[in-house]
Amino acid sequence: QVNFVESGGGLVQVGGSLRLSCTASGSINGIYETAWYRQAPGQERELVVRISRDGGVVYHVSAKGRFTAARDDAKNTMYLQMNNLAPDDTAVYYCNGVHPAQRADWGQGTLVTVSS
């Protein structure tokens, strides 16, 4: 089973930017769709953006126009560039497969805090 380690989170002011990375312990090429998720305090985990192996990217409406996601199968790594951050983006961010059969145990995530 591939496991994921997220990094790059931190404290940023409203309107700022962060770049998150997600490194897999093995090859992600066999995972058709990967995704970034986030979980805000007291809320359910939600999918932010899904990225397919063939390059397709689908953003949640809250991320569209502000976030850019990519995956590099050669490096077994995913990225999430987040711009124009808002307080509602405060959450722990995770990466994982999309389909249950291709999903690993959830990692620790990386905390993003946006201060106003």
C-alpha atoms as a PDB file:
ATOM      1  CA  GLN A   1       0.000   0.000   0.000  1.00  0.00           C
ATOM      2  CA  VAL A   2       1.232   3.473  -0.891  1.00  0.00           C
ATOM      3  CA  ASN A   3       1.257   5.984   1.939  1.00  0.00           C
ATOM      4  CA  PHE A   4       1.314   9.747   1.616  1.00  0.00           C
ATOM      5  CA  VAL A   5       3.147  12.448   3.553  1.00  0.00           C
ATOM      6  CA  GLU A   6       1.915  16.008   3.254  1.00  0.00           C
ATOM      7  CA  SER A   7       4.034  19.109   3.868  1.00  0.00           C
ATOM      8  CA  GLY A   8       4.166  22.827   3.234  1.00  0.00           C
ATOM      9  CA  GLY A   9       1.425  24.084   5.491  1.00  0.00           C
ATOM     10  CA  GLY A  10       1.786  27.051   7.795  1.00  0.00           C
ATOM     11  CA  LEU A  11       0.386  30.337   8.958  1.00  0.00           C
ATOM     12  CA  VAL A  12      -0.384  32.891   6.284  1.00  0.00           C
ATOM     13  CA  GLN A  13      -2.318  36.124   6.137  1.00  0.00           C
ATOM     14  CA  VAL A  14      -5.453  36.661   4.095  1.00  0.00           C
ATOM     15  CA  GLY A  15      -4.527  36.974   0.441  1.00  0.00           C
ATOM     16  CA  GLY A  16      -1.281  35.081   0.873  1.00  0.00           C
ATOM     17  CA  SER A  17      -0.049  31.946  -0.837  1.00  0.00           C
ATOM     18  CA  LEU A  18       1.222  28.522   0.123  1.00  0.00           C
ATOM     19  CA  ARG A  19       2.485  25.542  -1.838  1.00  0.00           C
ATOM     20  CA  LEU A  20       1.730  22.133  -0.445  1.00  0.00           C
ATOM     21  CA  SER A  21       3.543  18.955  -1.397  1.00  0.00           C
ATOM     22  CA  CYS A  22       2.544  15.350  -1.032  1.00  0.00           C
ATOM     23  CA  THR A  23       5.114  12.597  -1.329  1.00  0.00           C
ATOM     24  CA  ALA A  24       4.114   8.982  -1.779  1.00  0.00           C
ATOM     25  CA  SER A  25       6.041   6.050  -0.367  1.00  0.00           C
ATOM     26  CA  GLY A  26       5.766   4.233  -3.675  1.00  0.00           C
ATOM     27  CA  SER A  27       4.576   4.614  -7.215  1.00  0.00           C
ATOM     28  CA  ILE A  28       1.382   6.589  -7.755  1.00  0.00           C
ATOM     29  CA  ASN A  29       1.221   5.722 -11.419  1.00  0.00           C
ATOM     30  CA  GLY A  30      -1.158   2.889 -10.631  1.00  0.00           C
ATOM     31  CA  ILE A  31      -3.569   5.255  -8.906  1.00  0.00           C
ATOM     32  CA  TYR A  32      -5.834   6.623 -11.591  1.00  0.00           C
ATOM     33  CA  GLU A  33      -7.172   9.552  -9.609  1.00  0.00           C
ATOM     34  CA  THR A  34      -5.469  11.263  -6.700  1.00  0.00           C
ATOM     35  CA  ALA A  35      -6.819  14.217  -4.792  1.00  0.00           C
ATOM     36  CA  TRP A  36      -6.230  16.886  -2.226  1.00  0.00           C
ATOM     37  CA  TYR A  37      -8.684  16.951   0.644  1.00  0.00           C
ATOM     38  CA  ARG A  38      -9.109  19.229   3.620  1.00  0.00           C
ATOM     39  CA  GLN A  39     -10.799  19.106   6.975  1.00  0.00           C
ATOM     40  CA  ALA A  40     -11.667  22.288   8.800  1.00  0.00           C
ATOM     41  CA  PRO A  41     -12.196  22.260  12.567  1.00  0.00           C
ATOM     42  CA  GLY A  42     -15.486  20.590  13.436  1.00  0.00           C
ATOM     43  CA  GLN A  43     -16.283  19.753   9.831  1.00  0.00           C
ATOM     44  CA  GLU A  44     -16.211  16.721   7.587  1.00  0.00           C
ATOM     45  CA  ARG A  45     -13.266  16.088   5.314  1.00  0.00           C
ATOM     46  CA  GLU A  46     -13.975  17.445   1.840  1.00  0.00           C
ATOM     47  CA  LEU A  47     -12.394  16.955  -1.544  1.00  0.00           C
ATOM     48  CA  VAL A  48     -10.660  20.079  -2.842  1.00  0.00           C
ATOM     49  CA  VAL A  49      -9.288  18.927  -6.194  1.00  0.00           C
ATOM     50  CA  ARG A  50      -8.943  15.636  -8.020  1.00  0.00           C
ATOM     51  CA  ILE A  51      -6.150  14.903 -10.496  1.00  0.00           C
ATOM     52  CA  SER A  52      -6.194  12.021 -12.907  1.00  0.00           C
ATOM     53  CA  ARG A  53      -3.225  10.130 -14.248  1.00  0.00           C
ATOM     54  CA  ASP A  54      -3.944  11.439 -17.736  1.00  0.00           C
ATOM     55  CA  GLY A  55      -3.763  15.061 -16.579  1.00  0.00           C
ATOM     56  CA  GLY A  56      -7.393  15.875 -15.949  1.00  0.00           C
ATOM     57  CA  VAL A  57      -7.975  18.213 -13.001  1.00  0.00           C
ATOM     58  CA  VAL A  58     -11.333  18.970 -11.385  1.00  0.00           C
ATOM     59  CA  TYR A  59     -11.581  21.648  -8.712  1.00  0.00           C
ATOM     60  CA  HIS A  60     -14.156  22.120  -6.013  1.00  0.00           C
ATOM     61  CA  VAL A  61     -15.953  25.391  -6.570  1.00  0.00           C
ATOM     62  CA  SER A  62     -14.218  26.919  -3.548  1.00  0.00           C
ATOM     63  CA  ALA A  63     -10.804  26.268  -5.075  1.00  0.00           C
ATOM     64  CA  LYS A  64     -11.470  27.180  -8.667  1.00  0.00           C
ATOM     65  CA  GLY A  65      -9.420  30.144  -9.859  1.00  0.00           C
ATOM     66  CA  ARG A  66      -7.262  30.235  -6.725  1.00  0.00           C
ATOM     67  CA  PHE A  67      -5.707  26.779  -6.411  1.00  0.00           C
ATOM     68  CA  THR A  68      -3.594  24.898  -8.925  1.00  0.00           C
ATOM     69  CA  ALA A  69      -2.934  21.199  -8.515  1.00  0.00           C
ATOM     70  CA  ALA A  70      -0.487  18.939 -10.252  1.00  0.00           C
ATOM     71  CA  ARG A  71       1.004  15.509  -9.922  1.00  0.00           C
ATOM     72  CA  ASP A  72       4.399  14.253 -11.025  1.00  0.00           C
ATOM     73  CA  ASP A  73       4.262  10.495 -11.370  1.00  0.00           C
ATOM     74  CA  ALA A  74       7.996  10.302 -12.048  1.00  0.00           C
ATOM     75  CA  LYS A  75       8.622  11.784  -8.590  1.00  0.00           C
ATOM     76  CA  ASN A  76       5.577  10.184  -6.923  1.00  0.00           C
ATOM     77  CA  THR A  77       4.620  13.631  -5.751  1.00  0.00           C
ATOM     78  CA  MET A  78       1.597  15.900  -5.864  1.00  0.00           C
ATOM     79  CA  TYR A  79       1.481  19.654  -5.429  1.00  0.00           C
ATOM     80  CA  LEU A  80      -1.138  22.198  -4.493  1.00  0.00           C
ATOM     81  CA  GLN A  81      -0.426  25.867  -5.138  1.00  0.00           C
ATOM     82  CA  MET A  82      -2.888  27.973  -3.163  1.00  0.00           C
ATOM     83  CA  ASN A  83      -3.222  31.682  -3.862  1.00  0.00           C
ATOM     84  CA  ASN A  84      -5.433  34.425  -2.472  1.00  0.00           C
ATOM     85  CA  LEU A  85      -6.067  32.423   0.665  1.00  0.00           C
ATOM     86  CA  ALA A  86      -9.057  33.208   2.830  1.00  0.00           C
ATOM     87  CA  PRO A  87      -9.950  32.336   6.440  1.00  0.00           C
ATOM     88  CA  ASP A  88     -12.328  29.630   5.150  1.00  0.00           C
ATOM     89  CA  ASP A  89      -9.301  27.825   3.721  1.00  0.00           C
ATOM     90  CA  THR A  90      -8.045  27.137   7.240  1.00  0.00           C
ATOM     91  CA  ALA A  91      -7.916  23.350   7.555  1.00  0.00           C
ATOM     92  CA  VAL A  92      -5.707  20.310   7.670  1.00  0.00           C
ATOM     93  CA  TYR A  93      -4.906  19.315   4.103  1.00  0.00           C
ATOM     94  CA  TYR A  94      -4.454  15.719   3.025  1.00  0.00           C
ATOM     95  CA  CYS A  95      -3.687  13.872  -0.171  1.00  0.00           C
ATOM     96  CA  ASN A  96      -4.901  10.424  -1.106  1.00  0.00           C
ATOM     97  CA  GLY A  97      -6.478   8.348  -3.811  1.00  0.00           C
ATOM     98  CA  VAL A  98     -10.031   9.091  -4.826  1.00  0.00           C
ATOM     99  CA  HIS A  99     -11.560   5.670  -5.239  1.00  0.00           C
ATOM    100  CA  PRO A 100     -11.851   3.609  -2.066  1.00  0.00           C
ATOM    101  CA  ALA A 101      -9.987   0.700  -3.613  1.00  0.00           C
ATOM    102  CA  GLN A 102      -7.042   3.015  -4.288  1.00  0.00           C
ATOM    103  CA  ARG A 103      -7.070   4.935  -1.038  1.00  0.00           C
ATOM    104  CA  ALA A 104      -4.404   4.577   1.630  1.00  0.00           C
ATOM    105  CA  ASP A 105      -4.704   5.133   5.347  1.00  0.00           C
ATOM    106  CA  TRP A 106      -4.957   8.846   5.996  1.00  0.00           C
ATOM    107  CA  GLY A 107      -1.680  10.554   6.837  1.00  0.00           C
ATOM    108  CA  GLN A 108      -1.063  13.318   9.354  1.00  0.00           C
ATOM    109  CA  GLY A 109      -1.917  16.036   6.893  1.00  0.00           C
ATOM    110  CA  THR A 110      -0.468  19.528   6.905  1.00  0.00           C
ATOM    111  CA  LEU A 111      -2.131  22.409   8.726  1.00  0.00           C
ATOM    112  CA  VAL A 112      -2.942  25.605   6.867  1.00  0.00           C
ATOM    113  CA  THR A 113      -4.007  28.554   8.974  1.00  0.00           C
ATOM    114  CA  VAL A 114      -5.153  31.765   7.327  1.00  0.00           C
ATOM    115  CA  SER A 115      -5.291  34.758   9.639  1.00  0.00           C
ATOM    116  CA  SER A 116      -7.357  37.862   9.003  1.00  0.00           C
END
